[in-house]
Amino acid sequence: MPYGSSFEGKLHYPVSNRDACSKFTPSDFENDMIFDEVKDMTPILLIDHGGCTHYEKITNAQEAGINAAILIDDSAEEYN
């Protein structure tokens, strides 16, 4: 995607496997329609930091059909 481009999508935060360190199953997205066929919204997955490499996380997301992911790092750090 070229710099300055944008796209629309629907955010998803799985109920389990939030660190995406294992392959996703339908139960990871209970009560959440991951693929919105009515609106054709691109699924964007929120993934917790840690547990495995970023490569593993993104590979598991791609294999589940996810086109975009946001890695969340909620560790407290002091910035000077």
C-alpha atoms as a PDB file:
ATOM      1  CA  MET A   1       0.000   0.000   0.000  1.00  0.00           C
ATOM      2  CA  PRO A   2       1.555   3.338  -1.022  1.00  0.00           C
ATOM      3  CA  TYR A   3       2.463   5.916   1.621  1.00  0.00           C
ATOM      4  CA  GLY A   4      -0.481   8.132   2.524  1.00  0.00           C
ATOM      5  CA  SER A   5      -3.079   5.572   1.450  1.00  0.00           C
ATOM      6  CA  SER A   6      -5.975   4.536   3.627  1.00  0.00           C
ATOM      7  CA  PHE A   7      -8.531   1.747   3.796  1.00  0.00           C
ATOM      8  CA  GLU A   8     -11.584   0.853   5.854  1.00  0.00           C
ATOM      9  CA  GLY A   9     -12.014  -2.221   7.964  1.00  0.00           C
ATOM     10  CA  LYS A  10     -13.625  -3.705  11.020  1.00  0.00           C
ATOM     11  CA  LEU A  11     -11.548  -4.208  14.193  1.00  0.00           C
ATOM     12  CA  HIS A  12     -11.606  -7.649  15.815  1.00  0.00           C
ATOM     13  CA  TYR A  13     -10.153  -8.639  19.184  1.00  0.00           C
ATOM     14  CA  PRO A  14     -10.355 -12.411  19.643  1.00  0.00           C
ATOM     15  CA  VAL A  15     -11.896 -13.860  22.813  1.00  0.00           C
ATOM     16  CA  SER A  16      -8.997 -16.328  23.031  1.00  0.00           C
ATOM     17  CA  ASN A  17      -5.555 -16.643  21.431  1.00  0.00           C
ATOM     18  CA  ARG A  18      -5.169 -12.870  21.790  1.00  0.00           C
ATOM     19  CA  ASP A  19      -1.412 -13.082  21.335  1.00  0.00           C
ATOM     20  CA  ALA A  20      -1.897 -14.977  18.028  1.00  0.00           C
ATOM     21  CA  CYS A  21       0.842 -17.460  18.952  1.00  0.00           C
ATOM     22  CA  SER A  22      -1.189 -20.428  17.726  1.00  0.00           C
ATOM     23  CA  LYS A  23      -3.370 -21.011  14.687  1.00  0.00           C
ATOM     24  CA  PHE A  24      -6.812 -19.404  14.953  1.00  0.00           C
ATOM     25  CA  THR A  25      -9.990 -21.467  15.273  1.00  0.00           C
ATOM     26  CA  PRO A  26     -13.626 -20.334  14.975  1.00  0.00           C
ATOM     27  CA  SER A  27     -13.941 -20.442  18.786  1.00  0.00           C
ATOM     28  CA  ASP A  28     -11.335 -17.645  19.005  1.00  0.00           C
ATOM     29  CA  PHE A  29     -13.944 -15.360  17.464  1.00  0.00           C
ATOM     30  CA  GLU A  30     -17.114 -16.453  19.293  1.00  0.00           C
ATOM     31  CA  ASN A  31     -19.926 -13.870  19.017  1.00  0.00           C
ATOM     32  CA  ASP A  32     -17.918 -11.944  16.413  1.00  0.00           C
ATOM     33  CA  MET A  33     -18.547 -12.245  12.695  1.00  0.00           C
ATOM     34  CA  ILE A  34     -14.952 -11.992  11.505  1.00  0.00           C
ATOM     35  CA  PHE A  35     -15.864 -11.698   7.834  1.00  0.00           C
ATOM     36  CA  ASP A  36     -18.711  -9.248   7.227  1.00  0.00           C
ATOM     37  CA  GLU A  37     -20.086 -10.388   3.887  1.00  0.00           C
ATOM     38  CA  VAL A  38     -22.895  -7.811   3.965  1.00  0.00           C
ATOM     39  CA  LYS A  39     -20.635  -4.743   4.191  1.00  0.00           C
ATOM     40  CA  ASP A  40     -17.522  -6.436   2.790  1.00  0.00           C
ATOM     41  CA  MET A  41     -15.376  -4.834   5.506  1.00  0.00           C
ATOM     42  CA  THR A  42     -11.717  -5.833   5.651  1.00  0.00           C
ATOM     43  CA  PRO A  43     -11.031  -7.604   8.966  1.00  0.00           C
ATOM     44  CA  ILE A  44      -8.333  -5.878  11.040  1.00  0.00           C
ATOM     45  CA  LEU A  45      -7.092  -7.988  13.935  1.00  0.00           C
ATOM     46  CA  LEU A  46      -5.866  -6.567  17.251  1.00  0.00           C
ATOM     47  CA  ILE A  47      -3.026  -8.747  18.571  1.00  0.00           C
ATOM     48  CA  ASP A  48      -1.391  -8.614  22.013  1.00  0.00           C
ATOM     49  CA  HIS A  49       2.389  -8.172  22.205  1.00  0.00           C
ATOM     50  CA  GLY A  50       4.599 -10.977  23.524  1.00  0.00           C
ATOM     51  CA  GLY A  51       4.527 -14.744  23.676  1.00  0.00           C
ATOM     52  CA  CYS A  52       6.129 -15.412  20.269  1.00  0.00           C
ATOM     53  CA  THR A  53       7.724 -13.605  17.343  1.00  0.00           C
ATOM     54  CA  HIS A  54       5.921 -11.012  15.252  1.00  0.00           C
ATOM     55  CA  TYR A  55       6.457 -13.285  12.267  1.00  0.00           C
ATOM     56  CA  GLU A  56       4.499 -16.110  13.952  1.00  0.00           C
ATOM     57  CA  LYS A  57       1.693 -13.720  14.912  1.00  0.00           C
ATOM     58  CA  ILE A  58       1.303 -12.321  11.410  1.00  0.00           C
ATOM     59  CA  THR A  59       1.581 -15.758   9.774  1.00  0.00           C
ATOM     60  CA  ASN A  60      -1.252 -17.075  11.979  1.00  0.00           C
ATOM     61  CA  ALA A  61      -3.366 -14.018  11.192  1.00  0.00           C
ATOM     62  CA  GLN A  62      -2.772 -14.358   7.440  1.00  0.00           C
ATOM     63  CA  GLU A  63      -3.653 -18.057   7.516  1.00  0.00           C
ATOM     64  CA  ALA A  64      -6.973 -17.085   9.160  1.00  0.00           C
ATOM     65  CA  GLY A  65      -7.699 -14.739   6.248  1.00  0.00           C
ATOM     66  CA  ILE A  66      -6.818 -11.490   8.008  1.00  0.00           C
ATOM     67  CA  ASN A  67      -5.537  -8.719   5.733  1.00  0.00           C
ATOM     68  CA  ALA A  68      -4.315  -6.259   8.388  1.00  0.00           C
ATOM     69  CA  ALA A  69      -3.217  -6.442  12.012  1.00  0.00           C
ATOM     70  CA  ILE A  70      -2.364  -4.015  14.787  1.00  0.00           C
ATOM     71  CA  LEU A  71       0.081  -5.221  17.442  1.00  0.00           C
ATOM     72  CA  ILE A  72      -0.782  -3.912  20.918  1.00  0.00           C
ATOM     73  CA  ASP A  73       2.016  -3.265  23.422  1.00  0.00           C
ATOM     74  CA  ASP A  74       0.507  -2.332  26.775  1.00  0.00           C
ATOM     75  CA  SER A  75       3.696  -2.507  28.819  1.00  0.00           C
ATOM     76  CA  ALA A  76       4.335   0.485  31.035  1.00  0.00           C
ATOM     77  CA  GLU A  77       7.498   2.310  30.028  1.00  0.00           C
ATOM     78  CA  GLU A  78       8.869   5.598  31.204  1.00  0.00           C
ATOM     79  CA  TYR A  79       9.900   8.003  28.462  1.00  0.00           C
ATOM     80  CA  ASN A  80      12.236  10.892  29.110  1.00  0.00           C
END
